[in-house]
Amino acid sequence: MKYKKLILILTSFILMTVYIFYPYVKETNKLKEGFKEKIIRFHVIANSDYKEDQEMKLKIRDKILSSMGEKFGSSHSKKETREIIYNNLENIKSIAEEEIKKEGKDYTVDVSLGQDTFPTKTYGDVTFPQGEYEALKVVIGEGKGKNWWCVMFPPLCFIDMTHGVTKDTEKELKGVLTEEEYALLLSEKEEPVVLKSKIAEIFEKTKDYLANIK
């Protein structure tokens, strides 16, 4: 009899946990997928992790951002940014090739805009979860080195190249994302508190439930 009662208690606890957490997880996943569709990332991938290749990557980054800053910085929509990218793919490639030539190298350059999967990345105080994003990618040579990245739209690349999230950066993100989506980017630091609260809630409900079992 005690064994059956224990099974009943454990089953009820599991069902209660699923009942409480499932809507929370479902809504979080929905927000994650929603905000990814509103941004375009920018990645510059070095030929290798050798110092000279990494330095070259940063020079190419700087040249592209300074040359294209006026165009991208004035974009007011993801669609507009996408059109600017498509109209300047060859220009961006030429900028990179010119820098490579200055360094005395003969690396090839591949410039493309498309969907790609990225790991979780932190940008100042916000964290972009892993997943598929639309991104402008500049791959130098073999593309086996560490990459530099930023957000092309909204045009955060042209606000703070050092990845320090300023008030302007926050304003740009909130101008594109909903309050819930922006809060999600901060949730990595807040999640343990949220989970702790949920666990406490489950515990209280389970305790009340067990108290009523005769």
C-alpha atoms as a PDB file:
ATOM      1  CA  MET A   1       0.000   0.000   0.000  1.00  0.00           C
ATOM      2  CA  LYS A   2       2.834   2.377   0.896  1.00  0.00           C
ATOM      3  CA  TYR A   3       4.587   1.464  -2.343  1.00  0.00           C
ATOM      4  CA  LYS A   4       1.537   2.403  -4.423  1.00  0.00           C
ATOM      5  CA  LYS A   5       1.185   5.630  -2.491  1.00  0.00           C
ATOM      6  CA  LEU A   6       4.834   6.497  -3.194  1.00  0.00           C
ATOM      7  CA  ILE A   7       4.357   5.800  -6.918  1.00  0.00           C
ATOM      8  CA  LEU A   8       1.300   8.055  -6.894  1.00  0.00           C
ATOM      9  CA  ILE A   9       3.242  10.840  -5.178  1.00  0.00           C
ATOM     10  CA  LEU A  10       6.198  10.604  -7.583  1.00  0.00           C
ATOM     11  CA  THR A  11       3.919  10.503 -10.623  1.00  0.00           C
ATOM     12  CA  SER A  12       2.017  13.529  -9.387  1.00  0.00           C
ATOM     13  CA  PHE A  13       5.268  15.411  -8.766  1.00  0.00           C
ATOM     14  CA  ILE A  14       6.532  14.665 -12.277  1.00  0.00           C
ATOM     15  CA  LEU A  15       3.255  15.719 -13.874  1.00  0.00           C
ATOM     16  CA  MET A  16       3.213  18.891 -11.823  1.00  0.00           C
ATOM     17  CA  THR A  17       6.780  19.717 -12.850  1.00  0.00           C
ATOM     18  CA  VAL A  18       5.953  19.240 -16.531  1.00  0.00           C
ATOM     19  CA  TYR A  19       2.759  21.270 -16.135  1.00  0.00           C
ATOM     20  CA  ILE A  20       4.667  24.235 -14.665  1.00  0.00           C
ATOM     21  CA  PHE A  21       7.844  24.143 -16.752  1.00  0.00           C
ATOM     22  CA  TYR A  22       6.494  23.249 -20.191  1.00  0.00           C
ATOM     23  CA  PRO A  23       4.743  26.597 -20.877  1.00  0.00           C
ATOM     24  CA  TYR A  24       7.807  28.445 -19.562  1.00  0.00           C
ATOM     25  CA  VAL A  25      10.238  26.501 -21.792  1.00  0.00           C
ATOM     26  CA  LYS A  26       7.889  26.692 -24.791  1.00  0.00           C
ATOM     27  CA  GLU A  27       7.543  30.477 -24.495  1.00  0.00           C
ATOM     28  CA  THR A  28      11.308  30.930 -24.066  1.00  0.00           C
ATOM     29  CA  ASN A  29      12.031  28.879 -27.185  1.00  0.00           C
ATOM     30  CA  LYS A  30       9.438  30.870 -29.121  1.00  0.00           C
ATOM     31  CA  LEU A  31      11.134  34.137 -28.127  1.00  0.00           C
ATOM     32  CA  LYS A  32      14.560  32.780 -29.068  1.00  0.00           C
ATOM     33  CA  GLU A  33      13.421  31.873 -32.559  1.00  0.00           C
ATOM     34  CA  GLY A  34      11.490  35.131 -32.958  1.00  0.00           C
ATOM     35  CA  PHE A  35      14.331  37.548 -32.279  1.00  0.00           C
ATOM     36  CA  LYS A  36      16.811  35.618 -34.449  1.00  0.00           C
ATOM     37  CA  GLU A  37      14.700  36.521 -37.464  1.00  0.00           C
ATOM     38  CA  LYS A  38      15.118  40.240 -36.722  1.00  0.00           C
ATOM     39  CA  ILE A  39      18.898  40.557 -36.822  1.00  0.00           C
ATOM     40  CA  ILE A  40      21.825  40.085 -39.216  1.00  0.00           C
ATOM     41  CA  ARG A  41      25.237  39.176 -37.863  1.00  0.00           C
ATOM     42  CA  PHE A  42      28.660  39.987 -39.317  1.00  0.00           C
ATOM     43  CA  HIS A  43      31.540  37.517 -39.036  1.00  0.00           C
ATOM     44  CA  VAL A  44      35.139  37.783 -40.227  1.00  0.00           C
ATOM     45  CA  ILE A  45      36.945  34.441 -40.054  1.00  0.00           C
ATOM     46  CA  ALA A  46      40.733  34.385 -40.085  1.00  0.00           C
ATOM     47  CA  ASN A  47      42.847  32.029 -42.186  1.00  0.00           C
ATOM     48  CA  SER A  48      44.388  30.574 -39.010  1.00  0.00           C
ATOM     49  CA  ASP A  49      45.096  31.372 -35.388  1.00  0.00           C
ATOM     50  CA  TYR A  50      48.649  32.502 -36.119  1.00  0.00           C
ATOM     51  CA  LYS A  51      49.250  36.031 -34.854  1.00  0.00           C
ATOM     52  CA  GLU A  52      49.746  37.558 -38.291  1.00  0.00           C
ATOM     53  CA  ASP A  53      46.540  35.997 -39.605  1.00  0.00           C
ATOM     54  CA  GLN A  54      44.574  37.212 -36.625  1.00  0.00           C
ATOM     55  CA  GLU A  55      46.003  40.714 -37.027  1.00  0.00           C
ATOM     56  CA  MET A  56      45.101  40.654 -40.709  1.00  0.00           C
ATOM     57  CA  LYS A  57      41.542  39.650 -39.812  1.00  0.00           C
ATOM     58  CA  LEU A  58      41.191  42.745 -37.632  1.00  0.00           C
ATOM     59  CA  LYS A  59      42.646  45.020 -40.310  1.00  0.00           C
ATOM     60  CA  ILE A  60      40.138  43.678 -42.826  1.00  0.00           C
ATOM     61  CA  ARG A  61      37.351  44.142 -40.277  1.00  0.00           C
ATOM     62  CA  ASP A  62      38.363  47.752 -39.642  1.00  0.00           C
ATOM     63  CA  LYS A  63      38.613  48.542 -43.342  1.00  0.00           C
ATOM     64  CA  ILE A  64      35.202  47.058 -44.133  1.00  0.00           C
ATOM     65  CA  LEU A  65      33.507  48.836 -41.236  1.00  0.00           C
ATOM     66  CA  SER A  66      35.108  52.192 -42.009  1.00  0.00           C
ATOM     67  CA  SER A  67      34.397  51.918 -45.735  1.00  0.00           C
ATOM     68  CA  MET A  68      30.819  50.677 -45.380  1.00  0.00           C
ATOM     69  CA  GLY A  69      29.896  52.405 -42.129  1.00  0.00           C
ATOM     70  CA  GLU A  70      27.893  55.225 -43.674  1.00  0.00           C
ATOM     71  CA  LYS A  71      25.741  52.859 -45.721  1.00  0.00           C
ATOM     72  CA  PHE A  72      25.030  50.293 -43.027  1.00  0.00           C
ATOM     73  CA  GLY A  73      24.852  52.777 -40.180  1.00  0.00           C
ATOM     74  CA  SER A  74      21.911  54.560 -41.772  1.00  0.00           C
ATOM     75  CA  SER A  75      19.871  51.418 -42.420  1.00  0.00           C
ATOM     76  CA  HIS A  76      16.441  51.384 -40.751  1.00  0.00           C
ATOM     77  CA  SER A  77      15.364  47.820 -41.447  1.00  0.00           C
ATOM     78  CA  LYS A  78      16.706  44.319 -41.853  1.00  0.00           C
ATOM     79  CA  LYS A  79      15.440  44.291 -45.439  1.00  0.00           C
ATOM     80  CA  GLU A  80      17.366  47.472 -46.214  1.00  0.00           C
ATOM     81  CA  THR A  81      20.547  46.085 -44.657  1.00  0.00           C
ATOM     82  CA  ARG A  82      20.159  42.872 -46.656  1.00  0.00           C
ATOM     83  CA  GLU A  83      19.838  44.860 -49.892  1.00  0.00           C
ATOM     84  CA  ILE A  84      22.946  46.905 -49.026  1.00  0.00           C
ATOM     85  CA  ILE A  85      24.873  43.694 -48.442  1.00  0.00           C
ATOM     86  CA  TYR A  86      23.777  42.091 -51.715  1.00  0.00           C
ATOM     87  CA  ASN A  87      24.639  45.266 -53.634  1.00  0.00           C
ATOM     88  CA  ASN A  88      28.116  45.395 -52.047  1.00  0.00           C
ATOM     89  CA  LEU A  89      29.274  41.777 -51.875  1.00  0.00           C
ATOM     90  CA  GLU A  90      31.903  42.356 -54.561  1.00  0.00           C
ATOM     91  CA  ASN A  91      32.919  45.665 -52.997  1.00  0.00           C
ATOM     92  CA  ILE A  92      33.419  44.017 -49.597  1.00  0.00           C
ATOM     93  CA  LYS A  93      35.424  41.234 -51.243  1.00  0.00           C
ATOM     94  CA  SER A  94      37.635  43.780 -53.011  1.00  0.00           C
ATOM     95  CA  ILE A  95      38.282  45.619 -49.744  1.00  0.00           C
ATOM     96  CA  ALA A  96      39.407  42.373 -48.106  1.00  0.00           C
ATOM     97  CA  GLU A  97      41.561  41.349 -51.072  1.00  0.00           C
ATOM     98  CA  GLU A  98      43.271  44.745 -51.089  1.00  0.00           C
ATOM     99  CA  GLU A  99      44.217  44.412 -47.415  1.00  0.00           C
ATOM    100  CA  ILE A 100      45.502  40.890 -47.994  1.00  0.00           C
ATOM    101  CA  LYS A 101      47.642  42.114 -50.872  1.00  0.00           C
ATOM    102  CA  LYS A 102      49.089  44.881 -48.676  1.00  0.00           C
ATOM    103  CA  GLU A 103      50.169  42.188 -46.224  1.00  0.00           C
ATOM    104  CA  GLY A 104      51.958  40.304 -48.995  1.00  0.00           C
ATOM    105  CA  LYS A 105      49.634  37.302 -48.896  1.00  0.00           C
ATOM    106  CA  ASP A 106      47.648  35.589 -51.626  1.00  0.00           C
ATOM    107  CA  TYR A 107      44.748  34.266 -49.562  1.00  0.00           C
ATOM    108  CA  THR A 108      41.409  33.870 -51.265  1.00  0.00           C
ATOM    109  CA  VAL A 109      38.324  35.592 -49.827  1.00  0.00           C
ATOM    110  CA  ASP A 110      34.789  34.269 -49.740  1.00  0.00           C
ATOM    111  CA  VAL A 111      32.014  36.752 -48.958  1.00  0.00           C
ATOM    112  CA  SER A 112      28.456  35.524 -48.531  1.00  0.00           C
ATOM    113  CA  LEU A 113      25.124  36.270 -46.902  1.00  0.00           C
ATOM    114  CA  GLY A 114      23.033  33.368 -45.663  1.00  0.00           C
ATOM    115  CA  GLN A 115      21.813  31.293 -42.773  1.00  0.00           C
ATOM    116  CA  ASP A 116      24.393  29.663 -40.544  1.00  0.00           C
ATOM    117  CA  THR A 117      24.507  27.995 -37.141  1.00  0.00           C
ATOM    118  CA  PHE A 118      26.477  29.683 -34.378  1.00  0.00           C
ATOM    119  CA  PRO A 119      27.285  28.818 -30.746  1.00  0.00           C
ATOM    120  CA  THR A 120      26.205  30.972 -27.821  1.00  0.00           C
ATOM    121  CA  LYS A 121      28.015  34.326 -27.989  1.00  0.00           C
ATOM    122  CA  THR A 122      28.171  37.207 -25.510  1.00  0.00           C
ATOM    123  CA  TYR A 123      28.126  40.786 -26.763  1.00  0.00           C
ATOM    124  CA  GLY A 124      28.838  43.113 -23.845  1.00  0.00           C
ATOM    125  CA  ASP A 125      26.038  42.547 -21.337  1.00  0.00           C
ATOM    126  CA  VAL A 126      23.783  40.554 -23.650  1.00  0.00           C
ATOM    127  CA  THR A 127      24.036  36.935 -24.737  1.00  0.00           C
ATOM    128  CA  PHE A 128      22.879  35.609 -28.082  1.00  0.00           C
ATOM    129  CA  PRO A 129      21.834  31.948 -27.705  1.00  0.00           C
ATOM    130  CA  GLN A 130      23.121  29.277 -30.055  1.00  0.00           C
ATOM    131  CA  GLY A 131      21.160  28.607 -33.191  1.00  0.00           C
ATOM    132  CA  GLU A 132      20.662  29.635 -36.791  1.00  0.00           C
ATOM    133  CA  TYR A 133      21.107  33.279 -37.755  1.00  0.00           C
ATOM    134  CA  GLU A 134      21.315  35.222 -40.988  1.00  0.00           C
ATOM    135  CA  ALA A 135      24.881  36.449 -41.320  1.00  0.00           C
ATOM    136  CA  LEU A 136      27.321  38.231 -43.592  1.00  0.00           C
ATOM    137  CA  LYS A 137      30.489  36.122 -43.548  1.00  0.00           C
ATOM    138  CA  VAL A 138      33.935  37.086 -44.776  1.00  0.00           C
ATOM    139  CA  VAL A 139      36.121  33.981 -44.825  1.00  0.00           C
ATOM    140  CA  ILE A 140      39.837  34.599 -45.305  1.00  0.00           C
ATOM    141  CA  GLY A 141      41.909  31.836 -46.875  1.00  0.00           C
ATOM    142  CA  GLU A 142      41.184  28.477 -45.267  1.00  0.00           C
ATOM    143  CA  GLY A 143      38.971  30.081 -42.635  1.00  0.00           C
ATOM    144  CA  LYS A 144      40.367  27.908 -39.845  1.00  0.00           C
ATOM    145  CA  GLY A 145      41.103  30.714 -37.381  1.00  0.00           C
ATOM    146  CA  LYS A 146      39.039  32.368 -34.687  1.00  0.00           C
ATOM    147  CA  ASN A 147      36.415  34.749 -35.929  1.00  0.00           C
ATOM    148  CA  TRP A 148      35.469  38.288 -34.986  1.00  0.00           C
ATOM    149  CA  TRP A 149      31.772  39.109 -34.952  1.00  0.00           C
ATOM    150  CA  CYS A 150      29.227  41.803 -34.298  1.00  0.00           C
ATOM    151  CA  VAL A 151      25.607  42.628 -35.119  1.00  0.00           C
ATOM    152  CA  MET A 152      25.171  44.186 -38.569  1.00  0.00           C
ATOM    153  CA  PHE A 153      21.480  44.935 -38.082  1.00  0.00           C
ATOM    154  CA  PRO A 154      20.567  46.716 -35.957  1.00  0.00           C
ATOM    155  CA  PRO A 155      23.870  48.477 -36.827  1.00  0.00           C
ATOM    156  CA  LEU A 156      25.703  47.787 -33.576  1.00  0.00           C
ATOM    157  CA  CYS A 157      28.987  47.231 -35.449  1.00  0.00           C
ATOM    158  CA  PHE A 158      29.083  50.928 -36.165  1.00  0.00           C
ATOM    159  CA  ILE A 159      28.184  52.042 -32.628  1.00  0.00           C
ATOM    160  CA  ASP A 160      30.768  50.197 -30.598  1.00  0.00           C
ATOM    161  CA  MET A 161      33.494  48.125 -32.280  1.00  0.00           C
ATOM    162  CA  THR A 162      34.906  47.103 -28.895  1.00  0.00           C
ATOM    163  CA  HIS A 163      31.777  45.116 -27.967  1.00  0.00           C
ATOM    164  CA  GLY A 164      30.985  47.356 -25.033  1.00  0.00           C
ATOM    165  CA  VAL A 165      27.211  47.656 -24.832  1.00  0.00           C
ATOM    166  CA  THR A 166      26.424  51.351 -24.449  1.00  0.00           C
ATOM    167  CA  LYS A 167      23.078  53.047 -23.951  1.00  0.00           C
ATOM    168  CA  ASP A 168      22.971  53.594 -27.714  1.00  0.00           C
ATOM    169  CA  THR A 169      23.453  49.857 -28.263  1.00  0.00           C
ATOM    170  CA  GLU A 170      20.623  49.056 -25.886  1.00  0.00           C
ATOM    171  CA  LYS A 171      18.447  51.625 -27.638  1.00  0.00           C
ATOM    172  CA  GLU A 172      19.180  50.103 -31.050  1.00  0.00           C
ATOM    173  CA  LEU A 173      18.314  46.595 -29.860  1.00  0.00           C
ATOM    174  CA  LYS A 174      15.119  47.711 -28.172  1.00  0.00           C
ATOM    175  CA  GLY A 175      14.167  49.544 -31.349  1.00  0.00           C
ATOM    176  CA  VAL A 176      14.056  46.191 -33.162  1.00  0.00           C
ATOM    177  CA  LEU A 177      13.228  43.668 -30.449  1.00  0.00           C
ATOM    178  CA  THR A 178      10.274  43.475 -28.082  1.00  0.00           C
ATOM    179  CA  GLU A 179      10.839  44.011 -24.360  1.00  0.00           C
ATOM    180  CA  GLU A 180      10.518  40.250 -23.834  1.00  0.00           C
ATOM    181  CA  GLU A 181      13.050  39.467 -26.560  1.00  0.00           C
ATOM    182  CA  TYR A 182      15.551  41.991 -25.203  1.00  0.00           C
ATOM    183  CA  ALA A 183      15.087  40.597 -21.692  1.00  0.00           C
ATOM    184  CA  LEU A 184      15.859  37.158 -23.099  1.00  0.00           C
ATOM    185  CA  LEU A 185      19.318  38.375 -24.138  1.00  0.00           C
ATOM    186  CA  LEU A 186      19.959  39.205 -20.484  1.00  0.00           C
ATOM    187  CA  SER A 187      18.401  35.992 -19.171  1.00  0.00           C
ATOM    188  CA  GLU A 188      21.601  33.953 -19.062  1.00  0.00           C
ATOM    189  CA  LYS A 189      22.573  35.798 -15.883  1.00  0.00           C
ATOM    190  CA  GLU A 190      19.037  35.835 -14.503  1.00  0.00           C
ATOM    191  CA  GLU A 191      18.006  32.282 -15.350  1.00  0.00           C
ATOM    192  CA  PRO A 192      19.273  30.624 -12.156  1.00  0.00           C
ATOM    193  CA  VAL A 193      17.095  33.020 -10.128  1.00  0.00           C
ATOM    194  CA  VAL A 194      14.089  32.238 -12.310  1.00  0.00           C
ATOM    195  CA  LEU A 195      14.651  28.516 -12.051  1.00  0.00           C
ATOM    196  CA  LYS A 196      15.094  28.748  -8.304  1.00  0.00           C
ATOM    197  CA  SER A 197      11.763  30.537  -8.073  1.00  0.00           C
ATOM    198  CA  LYS A 198      10.076  27.883 -10.199  1.00  0.00           C
ATOM    199  CA  ILE A 199      11.532  25.062  -8.113  1.00  0.00           C
ATOM    200  CA  ALA A 200      10.319  26.747  -4.949  1.00  0.00           C
ATOM    201  CA  GLU A 201       6.878  27.060  -6.518  1.00  0.00           C
ATOM    202  CA  ILE A 202       6.840  23.360  -7.415  1.00  0.00           C
ATOM    203  CA  PHE A 203       7.968  22.427  -3.916  1.00  0.00           C
ATOM    204  CA  GLU A 204       5.205  24.437  -2.278  1.00  0.00           C
ATOM    205  CA  LYS A 205       2.525  22.982  -4.530  1.00  0.00           C
ATOM    206  CA  THR A 206       3.839  19.463  -3.990  1.00  0.00           C
ATOM    207  CA  LYS A 207       3.954  19.977  -0.230  1.00  0.00           C
ATOM    208  CA  ASP A 208       0.351  21.183  -0.227  1.00  0.00           C
ATOM    209  CA  TYR A 209      -0.667  18.248  -2.384  1.00  0.00           C
ATOM    210  CA  LEU A 210       1.017  15.703  -0.124  1.00  0.00           C
ATOM    211  CA  ALA A 211      -0.562  17.269   2.941  1.00  0.00           C
ATOM    212  CA  ASN A 212      -3.994  16.513   1.497  1.00  0.00           C
ATOM    213  CA  ILE A 213      -3.231  12.848   0.764  1.00  0.00           C
ATOM    214  CA  LYS A 214      -4.745  10.579   3.387  1.00  0.00           C
END
